[in-house]
Amino acid sequence: MMLALGMFVFERRTLPYQSMQHSKDYRWVSNDRVGMPPAYQFLGEGETSRQLGGTLYPAITGGRISLRAVELMADEGKAWPLIEGTGDIFGMYIVDKVSTTHTEFFSDGAARKIEFTLSLKRVDDSLTAMFGDLNKQASDLLGAAGNLKGQLQGALGGLTG
């Protein structure tokens, strides 16, 4: 697995990309001052985006069906987790744009070669916002497990008593 967007897995059989471009904007505003250069103020992070590009040879790699699967995900208008094969979690991304170029055709019009570009935009605030406080989640799970244990013991005691 190279990358996963939601349940869609990028690999040789589906959409093996040959390039991934990452872009992150930072927002600054300028304030004009009399007799001095402008003053700049940092407003925070801007948009984060990724572009995946590659060439498909449907006889060897994925093809139209794989591209259509990504288009259907985009049609749903949802954000999907983007996770690299190394385990790195990039965040929640939307499919912003799908571009394809079909060339070198068979006699029936099917393309032998499909070049594609997928534009993805990050839509979550941060990984902390996405997953929340993991320590609190673990604590809540342990508390819930303890409560469940007590309930099960009570139920079993009622059956055996």
N, C-alpha and C. Protein backbone atom coordinates (compact mmCIF):
# COMPACT_ATOMS: atom_id res chain seq x y z
N MET A 1 0.84 -1.17 0.00
CA MET A 1 0.00 0.00 0.00
C MET A 1 0.89 1.24 0.00
N MET A 2 0.60 2.13 -0.95
CA MET A 2 1.33 3.40 -1.02
C MET A 2 0.67 4.45 -0.15
N LEU A 3 -0.66 4.49 -0.22
CA LEU A 3 -1.43 5.54 0.44
C LEU A 3 -2.88 5.08 0.50
N ALA A 4 -3.62 5.56 1.50
CA ALA A 4 -5.05 5.26 1.58
C ALA A 4 -5.80 6.57 1.80
N LEU A 5 -6.84 6.75 1.01
CA LEU A 5 -7.77 7.87 1.18
C LEU A 5 -9.10 7.24 1.55
N GLY A 6 -9.46 7.33 2.83
CA GLY A 6 -10.64 6.60 3.30
C GLY A 6 -10.38 5.12 3.11
N MET A 7 -11.31 4.44 2.44
CA MET A 7 -11.15 3.01 2.18
C MET A 7 -10.50 2.73 0.83
N PHE A 8 -10.17 3.78 0.08
CA PHE A 8 -9.54 3.58 -1.22
C PHE A 8 -8.03 3.47 -1.03
N VAL A 9 -7.45 2.40 -1.52
CA VAL A 9 -6.02 2.15 -1.36
C VAL A 9 -5.30 2.40 -2.68
N PHE A 10 -4.29 3.26 -2.63
CA PHE A 10 -3.45 3.52 -3.79
C PHE A 10 -2.34 2.47 -3.80
N GLU A 11 -2.32 1.69 -4.87
CA GLU A 11 -1.30 0.67 -5.07
C GLU A 11 -1.19 0.41 -6.56
N ARG A 12 -0.33 -0.51 -6.96
CA ARG A 12 -0.10 -0.74 -8.39
C ARG A 12 -1.36 -1.15 -9.14
N ARG A 13 -2.25 -1.90 -8.49
CA ARG A 13 -3.46 -2.37 -9.16
C ARG A 13 -4.52 -1.29 -9.30
N THR A 14 -4.43 -0.21 -8.52
CA THR A 14 -5.48 0.82 -8.54
C THR A 14 -4.96 2.10 -9.19
N LEU A 15 -4.41 2.99 -8.38
CA LEU A 15 -3.86 4.26 -8.89
C LEU A 15 -2.44 4.46 -8.37
N PRO A 16 -1.48 3.84 -9.01
CA PRO A 16 -0.09 4.03 -8.55
C PRO A 16 0.42 5.41 -9.01
N TYR A 17 0.53 6.32 -8.07
CA TYR A 17 1.00 7.67 -8.44
C TYR A 17 2.52 7.67 -8.49
N GLN A 18 3.06 8.53 -9.34
CA GLN A 18 4.51 8.66 -9.46
C GLN A 18 5.02 9.93 -8.79
N SER A 19 4.11 10.84 -8.44
CA SER A 19 4.54 12.06 -7.76
C SER A 19 3.48 12.49 -6.75
N MET A 20 3.97 13.08 -5.66
CA MET A 20 3.08 13.67 -4.66
C MET A 20 3.66 15.03 -4.31
N GLN A 21 2.86 16.04 -4.55
CA GLN A 21 3.27 17.40 -4.24
C GLN A 21 2.49 17.86 -3.02
N HIS A 22 3.19 18.45 -2.05
CA HIS A 22 2.56 18.95 -0.83
C HIS A 22 2.73 20.46 -0.79
N SER A 23 1.66 21.16 -0.46
CA SER A 23 1.69 22.62 -0.39
C SER A 23 0.98 23.08 0.86
N LYS A 24 1.61 24.00 1.60
CA LYS A 24 1.00 24.54 2.81
C LYS A 24 1.18 26.05 2.79
N ASP A 25 0.06 26.76 2.89
CA ASP A 25 0.09 28.23 2.87
C ASP A 25 0.11 28.77 4.29
N TYR A 26 0.71 29.96 4.42
CA TYR A 26 0.70 30.69 5.68
C TYR A 26 0.15 32.08 5.40
N ARG A 27 -0.72 32.55 6.27
CA ARG A 27 -1.41 33.81 6.01
C ARG A 27 -0.74 34.96 6.75
N TRP A 28 -0.44 36.00 6.00
CA TRP A 28 0.13 37.24 6.54
C TRP A 28 -0.66 38.41 5.98
N VAL A 29 -0.89 39.41 6.79
CA VAL A 29 -1.56 40.62 6.33
C VAL A 29 -0.58 41.79 6.52
N SER A 30 -0.61 42.71 5.57
CA SER A 30 0.26 43.88 5.69
C SER A 30 -0.56 45.10 6.08
N ASN A 31 0.03 45.92 6.91
CA ASN A 31 -0.59 47.18 7.33
C ASN A 31 0.32 48.32 6.90
N ASP A 32 -0.20 49.19 6.05
CA ASP A 32 0.59 50.32 5.60
C ASP A 32 0.81 51.29 6.74
N ARG A 33 2.02 51.88 6.75
CA ARG A 33 2.37 52.87 7.76
C ARG A 33 2.93 54.10 7.06
N VAL A 34 2.70 55.24 7.62
CA VAL A 34 3.17 56.50 7.05
C VAL A 34 4.67 56.62 7.28
N GLY A 35 5.41 56.84 6.18
CA GLY A 35 6.85 57.07 6.26
C GLY A 35 7.67 55.85 6.62
N MET A 36 7.06 54.68 6.67
CA MET A 36 7.78 53.45 7.02
C MET A 36 7.29 52.32 6.14
N PRO A 37 8.08 51.27 6.03
CA PRO A 37 7.60 50.12 5.27
C PRO A 37 6.39 49.49 5.97
N PRO A 38 5.61 48.70 5.23
CA PRO A 38 4.44 48.06 5.84
C PRO A 38 4.84 47.14 6.99
N ALA A 39 3.96 47.02 7.95
CA ALA A 39 4.14 46.07 9.05
C ALA A 39 3.34 44.82 8.70
N TYR A 40 3.90 43.66 9.02
CA TYR A 40 3.23 42.40 8.71
C TYR A 40 2.81 41.70 9.98
N GLN A 41 1.64 41.07 9.91
CA GLN A 41 1.12 40.33 11.05
C GLN A 41 0.74 38.93 10.59
N PHE A 42 1.22 37.96 11.35
CA PHE A 42 0.94 36.55 11.04
C PHE A 42 -0.47 36.20 11.52
N LEU A 43 -1.28 35.67 10.61
CA LEU A 43 -2.66 35.29 10.94
C LEU A 43 -2.83 33.80 11.19
N GLY A 44 -1.84 33.01 10.86
CA GLY A 44 -1.93 31.56 11.08
C GLY A 44 -1.78 30.78 9.80
N GLU A 45 -2.00 29.50 9.93
CA GLU A 45 -1.88 28.61 8.77
C GLU A 45 -3.01 28.86 7.78
N GLY A 46 -2.70 28.63 6.53
CA GLY A 46 -3.70 28.69 5.47
C GLY A 46 -4.05 27.29 5.02
N GLU A 47 -4.29 27.15 3.72
CA GLU A 47 -4.68 25.84 3.18
C GLU A 47 -3.49 24.90 3.05
N THR A 48 -3.79 23.62 3.25
CA THR A 48 -2.83 22.56 3.00
C THR A 48 -3.41 21.69 1.90
N SER A 49 -2.61 21.39 0.90
CA SER A 49 -3.11 20.57 -0.20
C SER A 49 -2.04 19.58 -0.65
N ARG A 50 -2.49 18.55 -1.31
CA ARG A 50 -1.60 17.55 -1.91
C ARG A 50 -2.10 17.26 -3.31
N GLN A 51 -1.15 17.06 -4.20
CA GLN A 51 -1.49 16.65 -5.57
C GLN A 51 -0.76 15.35 -5.86
N LEU A 52 -1.54 14.38 -6.33
CA LEU A 52 -0.97 13.10 -6.74
C LEU A 52 -1.04 13.04 -8.25
N GLY A 53 0.06 12.68 -8.86
CA GLY A 53 0.09 12.57 -10.31
C GLY A 53 0.72 11.28 -10.75
N GLY A 54 0.25 10.78 -11.87
CA GLY A 54 0.82 9.54 -12.36
C GLY A 54 0.29 9.17 -13.72
N THR A 55 0.81 8.08 -14.22
CA THR A 55 0.41 7.55 -15.52
C THR A 55 -0.05 6.11 -15.33
N LEU A 56 -1.23 5.83 -15.84
CA LEU A 56 -1.79 4.49 -15.77
C LEU A 56 -1.68 3.81 -17.13
N TYR A 57 -1.36 2.56 -17.11
CA TYR A 57 -1.41 1.71 -18.30
C TYR A 57 -2.41 0.61 -17.95
N PRO A 58 -3.68 0.78 -18.31
CA PRO A 58 -4.74 -0.13 -17.85
C PRO A 58 -4.46 -1.61 -18.05
N ALA A 59 -3.64 -1.98 -19.01
CA ALA A 59 -3.32 -3.39 -19.20
C ALA A 59 -2.42 -3.91 -18.08
N ILE A 60 -1.71 -3.00 -17.39
CA ILE A 60 -0.76 -3.39 -16.34
C ILE A 60 -1.19 -2.90 -14.97
N THR A 61 -1.64 -1.63 -14.92
CA THR A 61 -2.00 -1.00 -13.64
C THR A 61 -3.50 -0.77 -13.61
N GLY A 62 -3.93 0.01 -12.65
CA GLY A 62 -5.34 0.38 -12.56
C GLY A 62 -5.75 1.21 -13.76
N GLY A 63 -7.00 1.53 -13.84
CA GLY A 63 -7.50 2.28 -14.98
C GLY A 63 -8.74 3.07 -14.66
N ARG A 64 -9.68 3.06 -15.60
CA ARG A 64 -10.90 3.87 -15.47
C ARG A 64 -11.70 3.53 -14.22
N ILE A 65 -11.76 2.28 -13.84
CA ILE A 65 -12.56 1.87 -12.68
C ILE A 65 -12.00 2.50 -11.41
N SER A 66 -10.68 2.50 -11.27
CA SER A 66 -10.06 3.09 -10.09
C SER A 66 -10.29 4.60 -10.05
N LEU A 67 -10.16 5.25 -11.20
CA LEU A 67 -10.42 6.69 -11.25
C LEU A 67 -11.88 6.97 -10.93
N ARG A 68 -12.77 6.14 -11.42
CA ARG A 68 -14.20 6.33 -11.15
C ARG A 68 -14.50 6.17 -9.66
N ALA A 69 -13.81 5.26 -8.99
CA ALA A 69 -14.01 5.07 -7.55
C ALA A 69 -13.66 6.35 -6.79
N VAL A 70 -12.57 7.00 -7.16
CA VAL A 70 -12.17 8.25 -6.51
C VAL A 70 -13.19 9.36 -6.83
N GLU A 71 -13.69 9.38 -8.06
CA GLU A 71 -14.70 10.38 -8.43
C GLU A 71 -15.98 10.17 -7.62
N LEU A 72 -16.36 8.93 -7.39
CA LEU A 72 -17.56 8.65 -6.58
C LEU A 72 -17.36 9.12 -5.13
N MET A 73 -16.14 8.95 -4.62
CA MET A 73 -15.84 9.46 -3.27
C MET A 73 -15.98 10.98 -3.25
N ALA A 74 -15.49 11.64 -4.29
CA ALA A 74 -15.59 13.10 -4.38
C ALA A 74 -17.05 13.53 -4.48
N ASP A 75 -17.87 12.76 -5.22
CA ASP A 75 -19.28 13.09 -5.39
C ASP A 75 -20.04 13.07 -4.06
N GLU A 76 -19.55 12.30 -3.09
CA GLU A 76 -20.22 12.22 -1.79
C GLU A 76 -20.04 13.50 -0.98
N GLY A 77 -19.04 14.32 -1.32
CA GLY A 77 -18.83 15.57 -0.61
C GLY A 77 -18.37 15.39 0.82
N LYS A 78 -17.62 14.33 1.08
CA LYS A 78 -17.15 14.05 2.43
C LYS A 78 -15.63 14.19 2.51
N ALA A 79 -15.15 14.36 3.72
CA ALA A 79 -13.71 14.35 3.98
C ALA A 79 -13.30 12.92 4.35
N TRP A 80 -12.11 12.56 3.93
CA TRP A 80 -11.61 11.20 4.16
C TRP A 80 -10.24 11.27 4.81
N PRO A 81 -9.90 10.33 5.70
CA PRO A 81 -8.55 10.33 6.26
C PRO A 81 -7.54 9.93 5.19
N LEU A 82 -6.42 10.64 5.17
CA LEU A 82 -5.35 10.35 4.23
C LEU A 82 -4.17 9.79 5.02
N ILE A 83 -3.83 8.53 4.75
CA ILE A 83 -2.81 7.82 5.52
C ILE A 83 -1.78 7.23 4.57
N GLU A 84 -0.53 7.54 4.81
CA GLU A 84 0.56 7.01 3.98
C GLU A 84 0.85 5.57 4.37
N GLY A 85 1.42 4.81 3.46
CA GLY A 85 1.75 3.41 3.71
C GLY A 85 2.73 3.23 4.86
N THR A 86 3.48 4.27 5.20
CA THR A 86 4.42 4.22 6.32
C THR A 86 3.71 4.34 7.66
N GLY A 87 2.41 4.68 7.62
CA GLY A 87 1.65 4.88 8.84
C GLY A 87 1.44 6.34 9.19
N ASP A 88 2.08 7.26 8.47
CA ASP A 88 1.88 8.68 8.74
C ASP A 88 0.44 9.08 8.40
N ILE A 89 -0.19 9.76 9.32
CA ILE A 89 -1.56 10.25 9.13
C ILE A 89 -1.46 11.71 8.74
N PHE A 90 -1.94 12.03 7.55
CA PHE A 90 -1.84 13.40 7.05
C PHE A 90 -3.02 14.27 7.48
N GLY A 91 -4.14 13.67 7.83
CA GLY A 91 -5.32 14.43 8.23
C GLY A 91 -6.53 14.05 7.39
N MET A 92 -7.56 14.89 7.47
CA MET A 92 -8.80 14.67 6.73
C MET A 92 -8.76 15.50 5.45
N TYR A 93 -8.96 14.85 4.31
CA TYR A 93 -8.85 15.51 3.02
C TYR A 93 -10.12 15.32 2.19
N ILE A 94 -10.41 16.31 1.38
CA ILE A 94 -11.46 16.21 0.38
C ILE A 94 -10.81 16.07 -0.99
N VAL A 95 -11.52 15.44 -1.91
CA VAL A 95 -11.06 15.38 -3.30
C VAL A 95 -11.54 16.67 -3.95
N ASP A 96 -10.61 17.54 -4.27
CA ASP A 96 -10.93 18.85 -4.82
C ASP A 96 -11.07 18.82 -6.34
N LYS A 97 -10.24 17.98 -6.99
CA LYS A 97 -10.26 17.96 -8.46
C LYS A 97 -9.64 16.66 -8.96
N VAL A 98 -10.23 16.11 -10.02
CA VAL A 98 -9.69 14.93 -10.70
C VAL A 98 -9.49 15.32 -12.16
N SER A 99 -8.26 15.25 -12.64
CA SER A 99 -7.96 15.56 -14.04
C SER A 99 -7.34 14.34 -14.71
N THR A 100 -7.78 14.05 -15.93
CA THR A 100 -7.22 12.91 -16.67
C THR A 100 -6.96 13.30 -18.11
N THR A 101 -5.97 12.66 -18.68
CA THR A 101 -5.67 12.79 -20.11
C THR A 101 -5.52 11.38 -20.65
N HIS A 102 -6.36 11.02 -21.62
CA HIS A 102 -6.34 9.69 -22.23
C HIS A 102 -5.61 9.80 -23.56
N THR A 103 -4.64 8.89 -23.79
CA THR A 103 -3.89 8.87 -25.05
C THR A 103 -3.62 7.43 -25.47
N GLU A 104 -3.11 7.29 -26.68
CA GLU A 104 -2.73 5.99 -27.24
C GLU A 104 -3.88 4.99 -27.13
N PHE A 105 -4.81 5.10 -28.05
CA PHE A 105 -6.07 4.37 -27.97
C PHE A 105 -6.05 3.03 -28.72
N PHE A 106 -6.83 2.09 -28.18
CA PHE A 106 -7.11 0.84 -28.88
C PHE A 106 -8.16 1.14 -29.96
N SER A 107 -8.43 0.17 -30.82
CA SER A 107 -9.40 0.39 -31.91
C SER A 107 -10.83 0.63 -31.39
N ASP A 108 -11.14 0.16 -30.16
CA ASP A 108 -12.47 0.38 -29.61
C ASP A 108 -12.59 1.71 -28.85
N GLY A 109 -11.51 2.50 -28.83
CA GLY A 109 -11.55 3.80 -28.17
C GLY A 109 -11.04 3.80 -26.74
N ALA A 110 -10.74 2.63 -26.18
CA ALA A 110 -10.20 2.55 -24.83
C ALA A 110 -8.75 3.05 -24.84
N ALA A 111 -8.40 3.80 -23.80
CA ALA A 111 -7.05 4.36 -23.73
C ALA A 111 -6.04 3.32 -23.25
N ARG A 112 -4.90 3.31 -23.90
CA ARG A 112 -3.79 2.47 -23.44
C ARG A 112 -3.01 3.18 -22.34
N LYS A 113 -3.12 4.52 -22.33
CA LYS A 113 -2.37 5.33 -21.38
C LYS A 113 -3.29 6.41 -20.83
N ILE A 114 -3.32 6.53 -19.48
CA ILE A 114 -4.13 7.55 -18.82
C ILE A 114 -3.23 8.30 -17.84
N GLU A 115 -3.06 9.57 -18.08
CA GLU A 115 -2.33 10.41 -17.13
C GLU A 115 -3.35 11.07 -16.22
N PHE A 116 -3.07 11.09 -14.91
CA PHE A 116 -4.05 11.64 -13.97
C PHE A 116 -3.38 12.56 -12.96
N THR A 117 -4.18 13.47 -12.45
CA THR A 117 -3.79 14.33 -11.34
C THR A 117 -4.97 14.41 -10.40
N LEU A 118 -4.73 14.13 -9.12
CA LEU A 118 -5.75 14.26 -8.09
C LEU A 118 -5.34 15.40 -7.17
N SER A 119 -6.23 16.35 -6.98
CA SER A 119 -5.97 17.46 -6.07
C SER A 119 -6.78 17.23 -4.80
N LEU A 120 -6.09 17.20 -3.68
CA LEU A 120 -6.71 16.95 -2.38
C LEU A 120 -6.46 18.16 -1.47
N LYS A 121 -7.46 18.54 -0.69
CA LYS A 121 -7.31 19.65 0.26
C LYS A 121 -7.63 19.16 1.66
N ARG A 122 -6.80 19.61 2.60
CA ARG A 122 -7.02 19.25 4.00
C ARG A 122 -8.12 20.14 4.58
N VAL A 123 -9.03 19.51 5.33
CA VAL A 123 -10.16 20.26 5.86
C VAL A 123 -10.29 20.21 7.38
N ASP A 124 -9.47 19.42 8.06
CA ASP A 124 -9.54 19.39 9.52
C ASP A 124 -8.61 20.46 10.10
N ASP A 125 -8.85 20.82 11.35
CA ASP A 125 -8.03 21.84 11.99
C ASP A 125 -6.63 21.33 12.30
N SER A 126 -6.55 20.14 12.87
CA SER A 126 -5.27 19.55 13.24
C SER A 126 -5.51 18.08 13.58
N LEU A 127 -4.43 17.35 13.74
CA LEU A 127 -4.59 15.94 14.13
C LEU A 127 -5.18 15.84 15.53
N THR A 128 -4.88 16.81 16.40
CA THR A 128 -5.46 16.81 17.73
C THR A 128 -6.96 16.98 17.65
N ALA A 129 -7.40 17.89 16.77
CA ALA A 129 -8.85 18.09 16.60
C ALA A 129 -9.49 16.84 16.00
N MET A 130 -8.76 16.16 15.12
CA MET A 130 -9.31 14.98 14.47
C MET A 130 -9.46 13.82 15.44
N PHE A 131 -8.45 13.58 16.27
CA PHE A 131 -8.47 12.44 17.18
C PHE A 131 -8.85 12.81 18.60
N GLY A 132 -8.80 14.09 18.91
CA GLY A 132 -9.10 14.52 20.27
C GLY A 132 -7.95 14.20 21.20
N ASP A 133 -8.20 14.29 22.46
CA ASP A 133 -7.19 14.01 23.47
C ASP A 133 -7.13 12.49 23.65
N LEU A 134 -6.06 11.88 23.14
CA LEU A 134 -5.95 10.41 23.19
C LEU A 134 -5.88 9.90 24.63
N ASN A 135 -5.28 10.66 25.51
CA ASN A 135 -5.19 10.27 26.91
C ASN A 135 -6.60 10.20 27.53
N LYS A 136 -7.43 11.19 27.23
CA LYS A 136 -8.82 11.20 27.75
C LYS A 136 -9.61 10.04 27.15
N GLN A 137 -9.41 9.78 25.86
CA GLN A 137 -10.12 8.67 25.22
C GLN A 137 -9.74 7.34 25.88
N ALA A 138 -8.46 7.15 26.16
CA ALA A 138 -8.00 5.90 26.79
C ALA A 138 -8.60 5.78 28.19
N SER A 139 -8.62 6.86 28.92
CA SER A 139 -9.21 6.89 30.26
C SER A 139 -10.68 6.53 30.23
N ASP A 140 -11.41 7.12 29.27
CA ASP A 140 -12.84 6.83 29.13
C ASP A 140 -13.07 5.36 28.78
N LEU A 141 -12.21 4.81 27.89
CA LEU A 141 -12.35 3.40 27.52
C LEU A 141 -12.13 2.49 28.73
N LEU A 142 -11.11 2.81 29.54
CA LEU A 142 -10.85 2.00 30.74
C LEU A 142 -12.01 2.09 31.71
N GLY A 143 -12.58 3.29 31.88
CA GLY A 143 -13.74 3.45 32.76
C GLY A 143 -14.93 2.66 32.25
N ALA A 144 -15.17 2.71 30.94
CA ALA A 144 -16.29 1.98 30.34
C ALA A 144 -16.07 0.47 30.49
N ALA A 145 -14.83 0.02 30.33
CA ALA A 145 -14.53 -1.41 30.49
C ALA A 145 -14.77 -1.85 31.93
N GLY A 146 -14.41 -1.01 32.88
CA GLY A 146 -14.65 -1.32 34.29
C GLY A 146 -16.14 -1.41 34.59
N ASN A 147 -16.92 -0.48 34.04
CA ASN A 147 -18.37 -0.51 34.23
C ASN A 147 -18.98 -1.77 33.61
N LEU A 148 -18.51 -2.13 32.43
CA LEU A 148 -19.02 -3.32 31.75
C LEU A 148 -18.70 -4.56 32.57
N LYS A 149 -17.49 -4.62 33.15
CA LYS A 149 -17.10 -5.76 33.98
C LYS A 149 -18.05 -5.90 35.16
N GLY A 150 -18.35 -4.76 35.82
CA GLY A 150 -19.27 -4.78 36.97
C GLY A 150 -20.66 -5.24 36.55
N GLN A 151 -21.14 -4.78 35.42
CA GLN A 151 -22.46 -5.17 34.92
C GLN A 151 -22.51 -6.66 34.61
N LEU A 152 -21.44 -7.16 33.99
CA LEU A 152 -21.41 -8.59 33.65
C LEU A 152 -21.37 -9.45 34.92
N GLN A 153 -20.58 -9.03 35.90
CA GLN A 153 -20.51 -9.79 37.16
C GLN A 153 -21.87 -9.80 37.86
N GLY A 154 -22.56 -8.64 37.81
CA GLY A 154 -23.89 -8.56 38.40
C GLY A 154 -24.88 -9.47 37.70
N ALA A 155 -24.81 -9.49 36.36
CA ALA A 155 -25.72 -10.33 35.59
C ALA A 155 -25.43 -11.80 35.81
N LEU A 156 -24.15 -12.16 35.84
CA LEU A 156 -23.78 -13.56 36.07
C LEU A 156 -24.14 -13.98 37.48
N GLY A 157 -23.95 -13.08 38.44
CA GLY A 157 -24.32 -13.40 39.82
C GLY A 157 -25.80 -13.63 39.96
N GLY A 158 -26.59 -12.88 39.21
CA GLY A 158 -28.04 -13.05 39.23
C GLY A 158 -28.47 -14.37 38.62
N LEU A 159 -27.69 -14.86 37.64
CA LEU A 159 -28.03 -16.13 37.00
C LEU A 159 -27.65 -17.32 37.86
N THR A 160 -26.57 -17.18 38.61
CA THR A 160 -26.08 -18.31 39.39
C THR A 160 -26.64 -18.32 40.81
N GLY A 161 -27.21 -17.19 41.26
CA GLY A 161 -27.67 -17.09 42.66
C GLY A 161 -29.02 -17.56 42.92
